[in-house]
C-alpha atoms as a PDB file:
ATOM      1  CA  MET A   1       0.000   0.000   0.000  1.00  0.00           C
ATOM      2  CA  ILE A   2       1.368   3.405  -0.989  1.00  0.00           C
ATOM      3  CA  PRO A   3       1.617   5.734   2.034  1.00  0.00           C
ATOM      4  CA  GLU A   4      -0.701   8.650   1.400  1.00  0.00           C
ATOM      5  CA  ARG A   5       2.097  11.110   2.168  1.00  0.00           C
ATOM      6  CA  TRP A   6       4.180   9.764  -0.713  1.00  0.00           C
ATOM      7  CA  LEU A   7       1.170   9.789  -3.012  1.00  0.00           C
ATOM      8  CA  ASN A   8       0.526  13.423  -2.105  1.00  0.00           C
ATOM      9  CA  LEU A   9       4.116  14.405  -2.793  1.00  0.00           C
ATOM     10  CA  GLY A  10       4.110  12.470  -6.062  1.00  0.00           C
ATOM     11  CA  ILE A  11       1.006  14.243  -7.338  1.00  0.00           C
ATOM     12  CA  LEU A  12       2.369  17.673  -6.405  1.00  0.00           C
ATOM     13  CA  ALA A  13       5.711  16.819  -8.028  1.00  0.00           C
ATOM     14  CA  ALA A  14       3.901  15.809 -11.221  1.00  0.00           C
ATOM     15  CA  LEU A  15       2.006  19.103 -11.243  1.00  0.00           C
ATOM     16  CA  VAL A  16       5.348  20.901 -11.163  1.00  0.00           C
ATOM     17  CA  ALA A  17       7.112  18.625 -13.638  1.00  0.00           C
ATOM     18  CA  VAL A  18       4.539  18.939 -16.436  1.00  0.00           C
ATOM     19  CA  PRO A  19       4.692  22.771 -16.717  1.00  0.00           C
ATOM     20  CA  ILE A  20       8.498  22.679 -16.547  1.00  0.00           C
ATOM     21  CA  TRP A  21       8.535  20.146 -19.383  1.00  0.00           C
ATOM     22  CA  ALA A  22       6.065  22.306 -21.313  1.00  0.00           C
ATOM     23  CA  LEU A  23       8.322  25.337 -20.791  1.00  0.00           C
ATOM     24  CA  VAL A  24      11.329  23.440 -22.141  1.00  0.00           C
ATOM     25  CA  VAL A  25       9.481  22.274 -25.275  1.00  0.00           C
ATOM     26  CA  ASP A  26       7.769  25.670 -25.681  1.00  0.00           C
ATOM     27  CA  GLU A  27       4.149  24.557 -25.138  1.00  0.00           C
ATOM     28  CA  PRO A  28       2.525  27.437 -23.225  1.00  0.00           C
ATOM     29  CA  PHE A  29      -0.936  25.925 -23.737  1.00  0.00           C
ATOM     30  CA  ILE A  30       0.045  22.922 -21.586  1.00  0.00           C
ATOM     31  CA  ILE A  31       1.151  25.288 -18.815  1.00  0.00           C
ATOM     32  CA  THR A  32      -2.198  27.082 -18.991  1.00  0.00           C
ATOM     33  CA  LEU A  33      -4.019  23.737 -18.912  1.00  0.00           C
ATOM     34  CA  VAL A  34      -2.175  22.660 -15.759  1.00  0.00           C
ATOM     35  CA  THR A  35      -2.817  26.084 -14.212  1.00  0.00           C
ATOM     36  CA  ARG A  36      -6.522  25.589 -14.866  1.00  0.00           C
ATOM     37  CA  ALA A  37      -6.327  22.211 -13.109  1.00  0.00           C
ATOM     38  CA  VAL A  38      -4.541  23.777 -10.126  1.00  0.00           C
ATOM     39  CA  ILE A  39      -7.191  26.486  -9.772  1.00  0.00           C
ATOM     40  CA  PHE A  40     -10.002  23.941  -9.998  1.00  0.00           C
ATOM     41  CA  ALA A  41      -8.143  21.857  -7.413  1.00  0.00           C
ATOM     42  CA  LEU A  42      -8.054  24.860  -5.087  1.00  0.00           C
ATOM     43  CA  ALA A  43     -11.834  25.267  -5.425  1.00  0.00           C
ATOM     44  CA  ALA A  44     -12.310  21.536  -4.776  1.00  0.00           C
ATOM     45  CA  VAL A  45     -10.081  21.638  -1.695  1.00  0.00           C
ATOM     46  CA  GLY A  46     -12.336  24.402  -0.428  1.00  0.00           C
ATOM     47  CA  LEU A  47     -15.445  22.293  -0.949  1.00  0.00           C
ATOM     48  CA  ASN A  48     -13.757  19.249   0.569  1.00  0.00           C
ATOM     49  CA  ILE A  49     -13.384  21.119   3.870  1.00  0.00           C
ATOM     50  CA  ALA A  50     -17.181  21.356   4.065  1.00  0.00           C
ATOM     51  CA  LEU A  51     -17.971  18.028   2.382  1.00  0.00           C
ATOM     52  CA  GLY A  52     -15.154  15.772   3.530  1.00  0.00           C
ATOM     53  CA  LEU A  53     -14.811  17.010   7.107  1.00  0.00           C
ATOM     54  CA  GLY A  54     -18.290  18.389   7.761  1.00  0.00           C
ATOM     55  CA  GLY A  55     -20.423  16.149   5.563  1.00  0.00           C
ATOM     56  CA  LEU A  56     -22.054  19.193   3.939  1.00  0.00           C
ATOM     57  CA  VAL A  57     -23.144  18.414   0.366  1.00  0.00           C
ATOM     58  CA  SER A  58     -23.361  21.895  -1.117  1.00  0.00           C
ATOM     59  CA  LEU A  59     -24.765  22.330  -4.597  1.00  0.00           C
ATOM     60  CA  GLY A  60     -24.254  26.080  -4.419  1.00  0.00           C
ATOM     61  CA  HIS A  61     -20.499  26.455  -3.994  1.00  0.00           C
ATOM     62  CA  ALA A  62     -20.366  28.199  -7.346  1.00  0.00           C
ATOM     63  CA  VAL A  63     -21.732  31.211  -5.430  1.00  0.00           C
ATOM     64  CA  PHE A  64     -18.354  31.679  -3.762  1.00  0.00           C
ATOM     65  CA  PHE A  65     -16.453  30.801  -6.934  1.00  0.00           C
ATOM     66  CA  GLY A  66     -18.451  33.444  -8.814  1.00  0.00           C
ATOM     67  CA  ILE A  67     -18.170  36.050  -6.056  1.00  0.00           C
ATOM     68  CA  GLY A  68     -14.392  35.669  -6.102  1.00  0.00           C
ATOM     69  CA  GLY A  69     -14.380  35.985  -9.878  1.00  0.00           C
ATOM     70  CA  TYR A  70     -16.598  39.064  -9.947  1.00  0.00           C
ATOM     71  CA  ALA A  71     -14.616  40.685  -7.120  1.00  0.00           C
ATOM     72  CA  MET A  72     -11.553  40.390  -9.340  1.00  0.00           C
ATOM     73  CA  GLY A  73     -13.400  41.461 -12.488  1.00  0.00           C
ATOM     74  CA  ILE A  74     -15.087  44.511 -10.995  1.00  0.00           C
ATOM     75  CA  LEU A  75     -11.972  45.833  -9.239  1.00  0.00           C
ATOM     76  CA  ALA A  76      -9.759  45.198 -12.263  1.00  0.00           C
ATOM     77  CA  TYR A  77     -12.302  46.788 -14.597  1.00  0.00           C
ATOM     78  CA  HIS A  78     -12.450  49.988 -12.559  1.00  0.00           C
ATOM     79  CA  ALA A  79      -8.696  50.077 -12.069  1.00  0.00           C
ATOM     80  CA  GLN A  80      -7.983  49.657 -15.776  1.00  0.00           C
ATOM     81  CA  THR A  81     -10.638  52.147 -16.923  1.00  0.00           C
ATOM     82  CA  PHE A  82      -9.729  54.671 -14.187  1.00  0.00           C
ATOM     83  CA  THR A  83     -13.311  54.976 -12.948  1.00  0.00           C
ATOM     84  CA  PRO A  84     -13.866  56.265  -9.398  1.00  0.00           C
ATOM     85  CA  LEU A  85     -14.258  52.863  -7.719  1.00  0.00           C
ATOM     86  CA  ALA A  86     -10.570  52.282  -8.324  1.00  0.00           C
ATOM     87  CA  GLU A  87      -9.861  54.933  -5.678  1.00  0.00           C
ATOM     88  CA  TRP A  88     -12.289  53.594  -3.094  1.00  0.00           C
ATOM     89  CA  PRO A  89     -11.655  52.473  -0.446  1.00  0.00           C
ATOM     90  CA  PHE A  90      -8.004  52.257  -1.545  1.00  0.00           C
ATOM     91  CA  PRO A  91      -6.096  52.818  -4.795  1.00  0.00           C
ATOM     92  CA  ILE A  92      -5.229  49.743  -6.843  1.00  0.00           C
ATOM     93  CA  ASP A  93      -1.769  49.620  -8.370  1.00  0.00           C
ATOM     94  CA  GLY A  94      -1.992  47.426 -11.464  1.00  0.00           C
ATOM     95  CA  THR A  95       1.577  46.114 -10.994  1.00  0.00           C
ATOM     96  CA  LYS A  96       0.772  44.604  -7.580  1.00  0.00           C
ATOM     97  CA  SER A  97      -3.002  44.407  -7.495  1.00  0.00           C
ATOM     98  CA  MET A  98      -3.340  40.628  -7.041  1.00  0.00           C
ATOM     99  CA  PRO A  99      -2.891  40.527  -3.230  1.00  0.00           C
ATOM    100  CA  VAL A 100      -5.441  43.334  -2.812  1.00  0.00           C
ATOM    101  CA  ILE A 101      -7.929  41.565  -5.077  1.00  0.00           C
ATOM    102  CA  TRP A 102      -7.376  38.264  -3.261  1.00  0.00           C
ATOM    103  CA  LEU A 103      -8.151  40.011   0.028  1.00  0.00           C
ATOM    104  CA  VAL A 104     -11.383  41.464  -1.370  1.00  0.00           C
ATOM    105  CA  ALA A 105     -12.387  38.164  -2.990  1.00  0.00           C
ATOM    106  CA  VAL A 106     -11.781  36.164   0.193  1.00  0.00           C
ATOM    107  CA  THR A 107     -13.523  38.758   2.380  1.00  0.00           C
ATOM    108  CA  THR A 108     -16.652  38.968   0.223  1.00  0.00           C
ATOM    109  CA  SER A 109     -16.808  35.183  -0.157  1.00  0.00           C
ATOM    110  CA  THR A 110     -16.405  34.762   3.589  1.00  0.00           C
ATOM    111  CA  LEU A 111     -19.267  37.152   4.321  1.00  0.00           C
ATOM    112  CA  ALA A 112     -21.472  35.438   1.721  1.00  0.00           C
ATOM    113  CA  ALA A 113     -20.658  32.010   3.182  1.00  0.00           C
ATOM    114  CA  LEU A 114     -21.474  33.265   6.663  1.00  0.00           C
ATOM    115  CA  LEU A 115     -24.889  34.587   5.633  1.00  0.00           C
ATOM    116  CA  ILE A 116     -25.744  31.571   3.473  1.00  0.00           C
ATOM    117  CA  GLY A 117     -24.499  29.187   6.149  1.00  0.00           C
ATOM    118  CA  LEU A 118     -26.556  30.822   8.888  1.00  0.00           C
ATOM    119  CA  LEU A 119     -29.690  30.136   6.854  1.00  0.00           C
ATOM    120  CA  SER A 120     -28.799  26.852   5.136  1.00  0.00           C
ATOM    121  CA  LEU A 121     -27.372  25.014   8.140  1.00  0.00           C
ATOM    122  CA  ARG A 122     -30.680  25.238   9.953  1.00  0.00           C
ATOM    123  CA  THR A 123     -31.660  22.383   7.658  1.00  0.00           C
ATOM    124  CA  SER A 124     -29.927  19.131   6.716  1.00  0.00           C
ATOM    125  CA  GLY A 125     -29.879  16.469   4.046  1.00  0.00           C
ATOM    126  CA  VAL A 126     -31.740  17.179   0.831  1.00  0.00           C
ATOM    127  CA  TYR A 127     -33.131  20.433   2.233  1.00  0.00           C
ATOM    128  CA  PHE A 128     -29.617  21.776   2.739  1.00  0.00           C
ATOM    129  CA  ILE A 129     -28.709  20.769  -0.816  1.00  0.00           C
ATOM    130  CA  MET A 130     -31.767  22.533  -2.251  1.00  0.00           C
ATOM    131  CA  ILE A 131     -31.220  25.733  -0.258  1.00  0.00           C
ATOM    132  CA  THR A 132     -27.609  26.023  -1.405  1.00  0.00           C
ATOM    133  CA  LEU A 133     -28.771  25.355  -4.967  1.00  0.00           C
ATOM    134  CA  ALA A 134     -31.385  28.094  -4.612  1.00  0.00           C
ATOM    135  CA  PHE A 135     -28.746  30.601  -3.486  1.00  0.00           C
ATOM    136  CA  GLY A 136     -26.623  29.657  -6.471  1.00  0.00           C
ATOM    137  CA  GLN A 137     -29.481  30.274  -8.870  1.00  0.00           C
ATOM    138  CA  MET A 138     -30.279  33.606  -7.201  1.00  0.00           C
ATOM    139  CA  PHE A 139     -26.728  34.848  -7.740  1.00  0.00           C
ATOM    140  CA  TYR A 140     -26.705  33.442 -11.272  1.00  0.00           C
ATOM    141  CA  TYR A 141     -29.800  35.365 -12.357  1.00  0.00           C
ATOM    142  CA  PHE A 142     -28.654  38.486 -10.505  1.00  0.00           C
ATOM    143  CA  SER A 143     -25.372  38.466 -12.455  1.00  0.00           C
ATOM    144  CA  ILE A 144     -27.300  38.036 -15.721  1.00  0.00           C
ATOM    145  CA  SER A 145     -29.337  41.151 -14.943  1.00  0.00           C
ATOM    146  CA  TRP A 146     -26.290  43.176 -13.801  1.00  0.00           C
ATOM    147  CA  ALA A 147     -25.940  45.154 -17.025  1.00  0.00           C
ATOM    148  CA  GLN A 148     -23.315  47.497 -15.592  1.00  0.00           C
ATOM    149  CA  TYR A 149     -20.837  44.620 -15.575  1.00  0.00           C
ATOM    150  CA  GLY A 150     -21.752  42.895 -18.808  1.00  0.00           C
ATOM    151  CA  GLY A 151     -24.890  41.041 -17.782  1.00  0.00           C
ATOM    152  CA  GLU A 152     -25.283  37.813 -19.704  1.00  0.00           C
ATOM    153  CA  ASP A 153     -22.253  38.620 -21.906  1.00  0.00           C
ATOM    154  CA  GLY A 154     -19.868  38.788 -18.969  1.00  0.00           C
ATOM    155  CA  LEU A 155     -17.018  41.195 -18.357  1.00  0.00           C
ATOM    156  CA  SER A 156     -13.639  41.171 -20.103  1.00  0.00           C
ATOM    157  CA  ILE A 157     -10.427  42.277 -18.406  1.00  0.00           C
ATOM    158  CA  TYR A 158      -7.817  43.682 -20.740  1.00  0.00           C
ATOM    159  CA  VAL A 159      -4.669  42.957 -18.717  1.00  0.00           C
ATOM    160  CA  ARG A 160      -4.026  40.304 -16.097  1.00  0.00           C
ATOM    161  CA  ASN A 161      -3.513  41.745 -12.630  1.00  0.00           C
ATOM    162  CA  GLY A 162       0.033  42.089 -11.368  1.00  0.00           C
ATOM    163  CA  PHE A 163       1.946  40.511  -8.506  1.00  0.00           C
ATOM    164  CA  PRO A 164       4.997  42.180  -6.921  1.00  0.00           C
ATOM    165  CA  GLY A 165       8.222  40.982  -8.525  1.00  0.00           C
ATOM    166  CA  LEU A 166       6.581  38.683 -11.080  1.00  0.00           C
ATOM    167  CA  ASN A 167       5.299  38.923 -14.635  1.00  0.00           C
ATOM    168  CA  THR A 168       1.835  37.369 -14.405  1.00  0.00           C
ATOM    169  CA  LEU A 169       1.463  37.425 -18.197  1.00  0.00           C
ATOM    170  CA  ASP A 170       4.172  34.760 -18.343  1.00  0.00           C
ATOM    171  CA  PRO A 171       2.253  31.447 -18.068  1.00  0.00           C
ATOM    172  CA  ILE A 172       4.893  29.703 -15.945  1.00  0.00           C
ATOM    173  CA  GLN A 173       5.050  32.554 -13.432  1.00  0.00           C
ATOM    174  CA  PHE A 174       1.276  32.731 -13.093  1.00  0.00           C
ATOM    175  CA  PHE A 175       1.260  28.946 -12.625  1.00  0.00           C
ATOM    176  CA  ALA A 176       3.834  29.323  -9.848  1.00  0.00           C
ATOM    177  CA  ILE A 177       1.545  31.759  -8.001  1.00  0.00           C
ATOM    178  CA  CYS A 178      -1.460  29.439  -8.267  1.00  0.00           C
ATOM    179  CA  PHE A 179       0.551  26.365  -7.289  1.00  0.00           C
ATOM    180  CA  ALA A 180       2.023  28.106  -4.243  1.00  0.00           C
ATOM    181  CA  LEU A 181      -1.465  29.054  -3.072  1.00  0.00           C
ATOM    182  CA  LEU A 182      -2.680  25.484  -3.608  1.00  0.00           C
ATOM    183  CA  CYS A 183       0.177  24.100  -1.515  1.00  0.00           C
ATOM    184  CA  ALA A 184      -0.513  26.649   1.232  1.00  0.00           C
ATOM    185  CA  VAL A 185      -4.200  25.713   1.347  1.00  0.00           C
ATOM    186  CA  LEU A 186      -3.390  21.985   1.320  1.00  0.00           C
ATOM    187  CA  GLY A 187      -1.056  22.521   4.260  1.00  0.00           C
ATOM    188  CA  PHE A 188      -3.751  24.467   6.076  1.00  0.00           C
ATOM    189  CA  ASN A 189      -6.291  21.726   5.321  1.00  0.00           C
ATOM    190  CA  ALA A 190      -3.981  19.043   6.705  1.00  0.00           C
ATOM    191  CA  LEU A 191      -3.449  21.018   9.925  1.00  0.00           C
ATOM    192  CA  LEU A 192      -7.172  21.738  10.173  1.00  0.00           C
ATOM    193  CA  ALA A 193      -8.116  18.056   9.874  1.00  0.00           C
ATOM    194  CA  ARG A 194      -5.748  17.094  12.710  1.00  0.00           C
ATOM    195  CA  SER A 195      -6.629  20.048  14.931  1.00  0.00           C
ATOM    196  CA  PRO A 196      -9.122  19.822  17.822  1.00  0.00           C
ATOM    197  CA  PHE A 197     -11.568  21.743  15.642  1.00  0.00           C
ATOM    198  CA  GLY A 198     -11.190  19.251  12.789  1.00  0.00           C
ATOM    199  CA  LEU A 199     -11.667  16.282  15.104  1.00  0.00           C
ATOM    200  CA  ALA A 200     -14.744  17.892  16.653  1.00  0.00           C
ATOM    201  CA  LEU A 201     -16.128  18.671  13.191  1.00  0.00           C
ATOM    202  CA  ASN A 202     -15.610  15.077  12.086  1.00  0.00           C
ATOM    203  CA  ALA A 203     -17.413  13.907  15.207  1.00  0.00           C
ATOM    204  CA  ALA A 204     -20.255  16.349  14.549  1.00  0.00           C
ATOM    205  CA  ARG A 205     -20.611  14.840  11.087  1.00  0.00           C
ATOM    206  CA  GLN A 206     -20.874  11.297  12.444  1.00  0.00           C
ATOM    207  CA  VAL A 207     -22.516  11.572  15.875  1.00  0.00           C
ATOM    208  CA  PRO A 208     -23.830  15.128  16.420  1.00  0.00           C
ATOM    209  CA  HIS A 209     -25.769  14.191  19.554  1.00  0.00           C
ATOM    210  CA  ARG A 210     -22.644  13.013  21.334  1.00  0.00           C
ATOM    211  CA  VAL A 211     -20.881  16.244  20.383  1.00  0.00           C
ATOM    212  CA  GLU A 212     -23.704  18.192  21.982  1.00  0.00           C
ATOM    213  CA  THR A 213     -23.309  16.232  25.205  1.00  0.00           C
ATOM    214  CA  MET A 214     -19.687  17.403  25.287  1.00  0.00           C
ATOM    215  CA  GLY A 215     -20.872  21.010  25.294  1.00  0.00           C
ATOM    216  CA  LEU A 216     -20.023  21.717  21.642  1.00  0.00           C
ATOM    217  CA  SER A 217     -22.421  23.049  19.029  1.00  0.00           C
ATOM    218  CA  PRO A 218     -22.518  21.030  15.775  1.00  0.00           C
ATOM    219  CA  PHE A 219     -24.190  24.033  14.110  1.00  0.00           C
ATOM    220  CA  ARG A 220     -21.284  26.332  14.954  1.00  0.00           C
ATOM    221  CA  LEU A 221     -18.681  23.768  13.966  1.00  0.00           C
ATOM    222  CA  LYS A 222     -20.298  23.235  10.578  1.00  0.00           C
ATOM    223  CA  LEU A 223     -20.815  26.975  10.091  1.00  0.00           C
ATOM    224  CA  VAL A 224     -17.108  27.674  10.634  1.00  0.00           C
ATOM    225  CA  ALA A 225     -16.210  24.878   8.188  1.00  0.00           C
ATOM    226  CA  PHE A 226     -18.679  26.241   5.635  1.00  0.00           C
ATOM    227  CA  VAL A 227     -17.240  29.759   5.960  1.00  0.00           C
ATOM    228  CA  ILE A 228     -13.645  28.551   5.562  1.00  0.00           C
ATOM    229  CA  SER A 229     -14.750  26.472   2.586  1.00  0.00           C
ATOM    230  CA  GLY A 230     -16.423  29.472   0.941  1.00  0.00           C
ATOM    231  CA  ALA A 231     -13.349  31.667   1.487  1.00  0.00           C
ATOM    232  CA  VAL A 232     -11.013  29.166  -0.206  1.00  0.00           C
ATOM    233  CA  THR A 233     -13.414  28.664  -3.120  1.00  0.00           C
ATOM    234  CA  GLY A 234     -13.709  32.450  -3.522  1.00  0.00           C
ATOM    235  CA  LEU A 235      -9.919  32.718  -3.817  1.00  0.00           C
ATOM    236  CA  ALA A 236     -10.014  30.057  -6.544  1.00  0.00           C
ATOM    237  CA  GLY A 237     -12.690  32.060  -8.372  1.00  0.00           C
ATOM    238  CA  ALA A 238     -10.485  35.165  -8.379  1.00  0.00           C
ATOM    239  CA  LEU A 239      -7.575  33.178  -9.816  1.00  0.00           C
ATOM    240  CA  PHE A 240      -9.811  31.561 -12.439  1.00  0.00           C
ATOM    241  CA  ALA A 241     -11.074  34.962 -13.577  1.00  0.00           C
ATOM    242  CA  ASP A 242      -7.507  36.254 -13.755  1.00  0.00           C
ATOM    243  CA  LEU A 243      -6.439  33.207 -15.764  1.00  0.00           C
ATOM    244  CA  ASN A 244      -9.139  33.801 -18.380  1.00  0.00           C
ATOM    245  CA  ARG A 245      -9.223  37.602 -17.998  1.00  0.00           C
ATOM    246  CA  PHE A 246     -12.986  37.198 -18.162  1.00  0.00           C
ATOM    247  CA  VAL A 247     -15.901  36.726 -15.778  1.00  0.00           C
ATOM    248  CA  SER A 248     -19.425  35.656 -16.660  1.00  0.00           C
ATOM    249  CA  PRO A 249     -22.615  34.409 -14.976  1.00  0.00           C
ATOM    250  CA  THR A 250     -21.613  30.813 -15.757  1.00  0.00           C
ATOM    251  CA  MET A 251     -19.268  31.017 -12.772  1.00  0.00           C
ATOM    252  CA  PHE A 252     -22.437  31.057 -10.606  1.00  0.00           C
ATOM    253  CA  SER A 253     -24.218  28.258 -12.458  1.00  0.00           C
ATOM    254  CA  TRP A 254     -25.296  24.994 -10.855  1.00  0.00           C
ATOM    255  CA  GLN A 255     -23.203  23.221 -13.487  1.00  0.00           C
ATOM    256  CA  MET A 256     -20.102  24.817 -11.979  1.00  0.00           C
ATOM    257  CA  SER A 257     -21.177  23.676  -8.515  1.00  0.00           C
ATOM    258  CA  GLY A 258     -21.666  20.182  -9.927  1.00  0.00           C
ATOM    259  CA  GLU A 259     -18.218  20.176 -11.493  1.00  0.00           C
ATOM    260  CA  ILE A 260     -16.583  21.127  -8.196  1.00  0.00           C
ATOM    261  CA  ILE A 261     -18.394  18.217  -6.521  1.00  0.00           C
ATOM    262  CA  ILE A 262     -17.204  15.931  -9.331  1.00  0.00           C
ATOM    263  CA  PHE A 263     -13.594  16.953  -8.640  1.00  0.00           C
ATOM    264  CA  VAL A 264     -13.964  15.849  -5.024  1.00  0.00           C
ATOM    265  CA  ILE A 265     -15.786  12.592  -5.801  1.00  0.00           C
ATOM    266  CA  LEU A 266     -13.377  11.585  -8.573  1.00  0.00           C
ATOM    267  CA  GLY A 267     -10.318  12.086  -6.414  1.00  0.00           C
ATOM    268  CA  GLY A 268     -11.757  10.910  -3.117  1.00  0.00           C
ATOM    269  CA  VAL A 269     -13.953  12.598  -0.533  1.00  0.00           C
ATOM    270  CA  ALA A 270     -12.112  13.597   2.677  1.00  0.00           C
ATOM    271  CA  ARG A 271      -8.735  12.713   1.116  1.00  0.00           C
ATOM    272  CA  LEU A 272      -6.177  15.524   1.275  1.00  0.00           C
ATOM    273  CA  ILE A 273      -4.924  15.117  -2.289  1.00  0.00           C
ATOM    274  CA  GLY A 274      -8.228  13.732  -3.625  1.00  0.00           C
ATOM    275  CA  PRO A 275      -9.589  17.074  -4.924  1.00  0.00           C
ATOM    276  CA  VAL A 276      -6.270  17.750  -6.689  1.00  0.00           C
ATOM    277  CA  ILE A 277      -6.316  14.398  -8.463  1.00  0.00           C
ATOM    278  CA  GLY A 278     -10.001  14.813  -9.311  1.00  0.00           C
ATOM    279  CA  ALA A 279      -9.525  18.288 -10.774  1.00  0.00           C
ATOM    280  CA  ALA A 280      -6.486  17.190 -12.792  1.00  0.00           C
ATOM    281  CA  ALA A 281      -8.355  14.129 -14.087  1.00  0.00           C
ATOM    282  CA  PHE A 282     -11.353  16.266 -15.045  1.00  0.00           C
ATOM    283  CA  VAL A 283      -9.260  18.801 -16.969  1.00  0.00           C
ATOM    284  CA  LEU A 284      -7.377  15.987 -18.719  1.00  0.00           C
ATOM    285  CA  LEU A 285     -10.617  14.226 -19.669  1.00  0.00           C
ATOM    286  CA  GLU A 286     -12.179  17.509 -20.775  1.00  0.00           C
ATOM    287  CA  HIS A 287      -9.220  18.191 -23.055  1.00  0.00           C
ATOM    288  CA  TRP A 288      -8.889  14.662 -24.397  1.00  0.00           C
ATOM    289  CA  LEU A 289     -12.538  13.609 -24.681  1.00  0.00           C
ATOM    290  CA  GLY A 290     -13.572  17.090 -25.833  1.00  0.00           C
ATOM    291  CA  GLY A 291     -11.328  16.617 -28.845  1.00  0.00           C
ATOM    292  CA  LEU A 292     -13.066  13.344 -29.678  1.00  0.00           C
ATOM    293  CA  SER A 293     -16.699  14.372 -29.337  1.00  0.00           C
ATOM    294  CA  ASP A 294     -18.926  17.329 -28.512  1.00  0.00           C
ATOM    295  CA  TYR A 295     -20.819  14.975 -26.213  1.00  0.00           C
ATOM    296  CA  TRP A 296     -17.835  14.156 -24.042  1.00  0.00           C
ATOM    297  CA  HIS A 297     -19.905  14.620 -20.881  1.00  0.00           C
ATOM    298  CA  ILE A 298     -21.549  11.262 -21.623  1.00  0.00           C
ATOM    299  CA  TYR A 299     -18.183   9.519 -21.288  1.00  0.00           C
ATOM    300  CA  LEU A 300     -17.373  11.565 -18.199  1.00  0.00           C
ATOM    301  CA  GLY A 301     -20.675  10.453 -16.666  1.00  0.00           C
ATOM    302  CA  ALA A 302     -19.832   6.812 -17.344  1.00  0.00           C
ATOM    303  CA  ILE A 303     -16.406   7.243 -15.715  1.00  0.00           C
ATOM    304  CA  LEU A 304     -17.950   8.966 -12.706  1.00  0.00           C
ATOM    305  CA  LEU A 305     -20.520   6.183 -12.385  1.00  0.00           C
ATOM    306  CA  GLY A 306     -17.721   3.622 -12.416  1.00  0.00           C
ATOM    307  CA  VAL A 307     -15.825   5.506  -9.701  1.00  0.00           C
ATOM    308  CA  VAL A 308     -18.921   5.725  -7.491  1.00  0.00           C
ATOM    309  CA  LEU A 309     -19.764   2.032  -7.921  1.00  0.00           C
ATOM    310  CA  PHE A 310     -16.339   0.405  -7.893  1.00  0.00           C
ATOM    311  CA  ALA A 311     -13.967   2.931  -6.286  1.00  0.00           C
ATOM    312  CA  ARG A 312     -15.802   4.242  -3.268  1.00  0.00           C
ATOM    313  CA  GLY A 313     -12.690   6.069  -2.068  1.00  0.00           C
ATOM    314  CA  GLY A 314     -12.207   7.760  -5.435  1.00  0.00           C
ATOM    315  CA  ILE A 315      -9.002   7.508  -7.428  1.00  0.00           C
ATOM    316  CA  VAL A 316      -6.929   7.814  -4.249  1.00  0.00           C
ATOM    317  CA  GLY A 317      -8.740   4.864  -2.668  1.00  0.00           C
ATOM    318  CA  LEU A 318      -8.416   2.835  -5.869  1.00  0.00           C
ATOM    319  CA  VAL A 319      -4.649   3.427  -6.060  1.00  0.00           C
ATOM    320  CA  ALA A 320      -4.212   2.612  -2.385  1.00  0.00           C
ATOM    321  CA  ARG A 321      -6.096  -0.693  -2.744  1.00  0.00           C
ATOM    322  CA  ALA A 322      -4.205  -1.612  -5.925  1.00  0.00           C
ATOM    323  CA  HIS A 323      -0.920  -1.382  -4.021  1.00  0.00           C
ATOM    324  CA  GLY A 324      -2.242  -2.794  -0.757  1.00  0.00           C
END
């Protein structure tokens, strides 16, 4: 059986090796493809905090992904067109605007997750799923009607935001930023799972009544997990918008929420590296199967069905059993 630590390191090493190889052979598209997988992995890691540790099946996590994206798009739009919002509440320097935009994206996503969590977590099971879906659809239709920022057509950003000391227009340097953030969040997730909070949250997922007898509130534990999850997913949304230099209402769609869940299920729910493997597998299948057929989702559905039926622990569980 492969120790999970070595599997984690191997996957992260592969994510670094592929862009370096692409840089050597001058294939910038491959670097962008891996960057897309890393950003999706970051969003899936965020969801896995709520789903894997807290047992919260959210079909509305695209809300936070979209909020992060629109936070980036709106601030960048005003900064690049020199409209007044760029000077309020602080000026945005285009050469080092990324950290400021990340802060805004994470803050707004955190507040949204807090409000949505306060309402949604009063329910459970299918009711929780439907309420989170409803919030996602509300934000989706609001963004469509927001004509000031492109409405249904979305909003284009002319220049990618800057990071101090780096050229973010260089694919390999932008990948390095995204990969560093992914590693930081994975490290945080590992510490969180082993912390007293993570252990209490896991107990609240399995036996909430016993947690209550210990004087802890399952509602509060799950709310904190949901808020952290939303913040991480919002950061991923900001990076995704910067990668494409474009934001649109599709970032709020229930399809996006479904894709983030697929990343987690493919890789392995509650596994540290599971969301990373799932996101990478999804992007690879999207690229490969998409070139074979316009109906590639049918094949993806068959693969997902096989994982659910025969690899209950996702790809990580399947690999572990194969080497057990």
